[in-house]
Protein backbone atom coordinates (compact mmCIF):
# COMPACT_ATOMS: atom_id res chain seq x y z
CA MET A 1 22.38 9.49 -0.23
CA ALA A 2 19.94 11.82 -1.97
CA THR A 3 18.50 8.85 -3.92
CA LEU A 4 17.10 7.35 -0.70
CA LYS A 5 14.17 9.73 -0.16
CA TYR A 6 11.74 6.83 0.39
CA LEU A 7 13.92 5.49 3.21
CA ALA A 8 14.33 8.72 5.18
CA GLY A 9 12.66 7.31 8.31
CA TYR A 10 14.87 4.22 8.45
CA SER A 11 18.14 3.75 10.33
CA PRO A 12 21.42 5.04 8.90
CA ASP A 13 22.73 1.45 8.82
CA LEU A 14 19.87 0.26 6.63
CA ARG A 15 20.18 3.27 4.32
CA GLN A 16 23.91 2.58 3.99
CA GLN A 17 23.26 -1.07 3.08
CA VAL A 18 20.75 0.00 0.43
CA GLN A 19 23.15 2.62 -0.93
CA GLN A 20 25.84 -0.06 -1.26
CA LEU A 21 23.42 -2.29 -3.21
CA ILE A 22 22.63 0.65 -5.51
CA ASP A 23 26.31 1.54 -5.96
CA ARG A 24 27.08 -2.07 -6.93
CA GLY A 25 24.02 -2.26 -9.18
CA GLN A 26 22.59 -5.10 -7.10
CA LEU A 27 19.33 -3.68 -5.69
CA GLY A 28 17.31 -4.98 -8.64
CA ALA A 29 18.79 -8.46 -8.32
CA TRP A 30 18.13 -8.46 -4.57
CA LEU A 31 14.48 -7.55 -5.16
CA GLU A 32 14.16 -10.17 -7.93
CA GLN A 33 15.41 -12.78 -5.48
CA ARG A 34 12.62 -11.83 -3.03
CA TYR A 35 10.00 -11.39 -5.75
CA PRO A 36 10.90 -13.53 -8.77
CA PRO A 37 9.81 -11.89 -12.02
CA GLY A 38 6.95 -13.53 -13.80
CA GLU A 39 3.62 -12.58 -15.10
CA GLN A 40 1.72 -9.70 -13.54
CA HIS A 41 -0.77 -10.36 -10.80
CA PRO A 42 -4.36 -10.68 -12.05
CA ILE A 43 -5.64 -7.54 -10.28
CA GLN A 44 -5.56 -5.13 -13.21
CA THR A 45 -9.04 -3.59 -13.25
CA ASP A 46 -11.07 -1.54 -10.79
CA ALA A 47 -13.59 -4.41 -10.52
CA ALA A 48 -10.85 -6.91 -9.68
CA LEU A 49 -9.36 -4.49 -7.13
CA TYR A 50 -12.80 -3.98 -5.54
CA ASP A 51 -13.30 -7.76 -5.24
CA TYR A 52 -9.78 -8.21 -3.84
CA THR A 53 -10.34 -5.48 -1.25
CA GLN A 54 -13.74 -6.85 -0.29
CA ARG A 55 -12.26 -10.32 0.29
CA LEU A 56 -9.59 -8.87 2.60
CA LYS A 57 -12.18 -6.78 4.41
CA GLN A 58 -14.51 -9.76 4.83
CA GLN A 59 -11.67 -11.90 6.13
CA HIS A 60 -10.34 -9.40 8.69
CA MET A 61 -12.81 -6.55 9.23
CA ARG A 62 -16.38 -7.82 8.89
CA SER A 63 -17.83 -5.33 11.36
CA SER A 64 -16.40 -2.24 9.66
CA GLY A 65 -18.59 -0.08 7.50
CA PRO A 66 -19.11 -0.93 3.85
CA ILE A 67 -16.81 0.27 1.11
CA SER A 68 -18.65 2.00 -1.69
CA LYS A 69 -15.82 2.25 -4.22
CA VAL A 70 -12.31 0.93 -4.77
CA SER A 71 -10.31 2.00 -7.81
CA PHE A 72 -6.91 2.41 -9.35
CA ASP A 73 -5.90 6.04 -9.81
CA THR A 74 -3.52 6.92 -12.64
CA ARG A 75 -3.09 10.47 -11.31
CA MET A 76 -1.83 9.37 -7.89
CA HIS A 77 1.94 9.56 -7.80
CA VAL A 78 4.60 8.83 -5.27
CA ILE A 79 5.42 12.54 -5.41
CA ASP A 80 2.21 13.11 -3.45
CA ASN A 81 3.73 10.80 -0.81
CA ALA A 82 0.85 8.38 -1.26
CA LEU A 83 0.23 5.14 -3.08
CA GLY A 84 -3.23 4.82 -1.61
CA GLN A 85 -5.93 7.07 -0.22
CA HIS A 86 -9.03 6.49 1.80
CA GLN A 87 -11.99 8.82 1.70
CA PHE A 88 -14.75 9.06 4.26
CA VAL A 89 -17.73 11.15 3.24
CA SER A 90 -20.70 11.82 5.52
CA ARG A 91 -23.96 13.26 4.25
CA VAL A 92 -27.26 13.98 5.92
CA GLN A 93 -30.18 12.40 4.05
CA GLY A 94 -33.48 13.18 5.68
CA GLY A 95 -33.05 12.48 9.37
CA LYS A 96 -30.19 10.03 8.88
CA LEU A 97 -26.45 10.40 8.58
CA LYS A 98 -25.13 8.38 5.62
CA SER A 99 -21.45 7.66 5.23
CA LYS A 100 -19.44 6.27 2.35
CA ASN A 101 -15.94 4.86 2.37
CA ALA A 102 -13.84 4.85 -0.79
CA ILE A 103 -10.31 3.65 -1.44
CA LYS A 104 -8.01 4.72 -4.27
CA VAL A 105 -4.78 2.90 -5.07
CA SER A 106 -2.02 4.14 -7.35
CA ALA A 107 -2.02 2.46 -10.76
CA ILE A 108 1.73 1.86 -10.37
CA LEU A 109 0.79 -1.07 -8.12
CA LYS A 110 -0.56 -2.92 -11.16
CA THR A 111 3.05 -3.52 -12.21
CA LEU A 112 4.51 -4.43 -8.81
CA PRO A 113 4.28 -7.82 -7.05
CA GLU A 114 0.90 -8.69 -5.51
CA PRO A 115 2.15 -8.72 -1.88
CA LEU A 116 3.00 -5.01 -2.24
CA LEU A 117 -0.48 -4.26 -3.56
CA ARG A 118 -1.90 -6.21 -0.61
CA MET A 119 0.16 -4.14 1.82
CA VAL A 120 -1.25 -0.87 0.43
CA VAL A 121 -4.83 -2.22 0.44
CA VAL A 122 -4.38 -3.43 4.04
CA HIS A 123 -3.07 0.03 4.98
CA GLU A 124 -6.11 1.74 3.50
CA LEU A 125 -8.53 -0.78 5.03
CA ALA A 126 -6.98 -0.14 8.46
CA HIS A 127 -7.96 3.51 8.07
CA LEU A 128 -11.63 2.44 8.16
CA ARG A 129 -11.13 1.84 11.90
CA GLU A 130 -8.11 3.97 12.78
CA LYS A 131 -7.82 7.34 11.10
CA GLU A 132 -4.37 8.15 12.51
CA HIS A 133 -1.07 6.30 12.06
CA ASN A 134 -0.86 5.24 15.69
CA LYS A 135 -0.01 2.04 17.55
CA ALA A 136 -3.52 0.60 17.14
CA PHE A 137 -3.37 1.33 13.40
CA TYR A 138 -0.14 -0.60 12.90
CA GLN A 139 -1.37 -3.45 15.11
CA LEU A 140 -4.40 -3.76 12.86
CA CYS A 141 -2.17 -3.71 9.76
CA ARG A 142 -0.04 -6.51 11.24
CA HIS A 143 -3.17 -8.45 12.14
CA MET A 144 -4.29 -8.38 8.50
CA GLU A 145 -0.78 -8.79 7.06
CA PRO A 146 1.82 -10.21 9.47
CA ASP A 147 4.69 -9.14 7.15
CA TYR A 148 3.31 -5.60 6.86
CA HIS A 149 6.51 -3.78 7.89
CA GLN A 150 8.76 -5.89 5.64
CA LEU A 151 6.42 -5.36 2.70
CA GLU A 152 6.40 -1.62 3.35
CA LEU A 153 10.21 -1.59 3.28
CA ASP A 154 10.24 -3.69 0.10
CA LEU A 155 7.80 -1.30 -1.57
CA ARG A 156 10.07 1.60 -0.64
CA LEU A 157 13.02 -0.32 -2.13
CA PHE A 158 11.11 -0.83 -5.41
CA LEU A 159 10.38 2.89 -5.52
CA THR A 160 14.03 3.67 -4.77
CA LEU A 161 15.13 1.35 -7.59
CA LYS A 162 12.65 2.99 -9.96
CA ASP A 163 14.15 6.42 -9.15
CA SER A 164 17.81 5.37 -9.46
């Protein structure tokens, strides 16, 4: 089961089911059934990603600090164990403390279904309030995206398929 590196934290039963789908060559068909192939989602530029992220933030997290930059990153790879990153930078300007929040999302998400992009953006937005991956963090993720955990699994399945 060496091909299941993205599913290491999941139960042995689930990993076995996925391995069986891979062995039978059916994982791609299973994913196509959940996410029918079609044209790519329209979020293909940094400006579109910024607008998309701002809409989600406005809908779910109005009181959180502003986001200064949102962009796709072609250098971010799954090897780094990240498809998104949040950055929080604080600077002293005069007598005030200024902070900036930035989000980077892997460019691979341009080619995957939009719900998977939304899951990664929601994850990074949740870090504006909760820095750690704790219970409150995942509750916030589920508040913004009720299917958060299923989408995370599906994203891991797409990555597994890509590697096999």
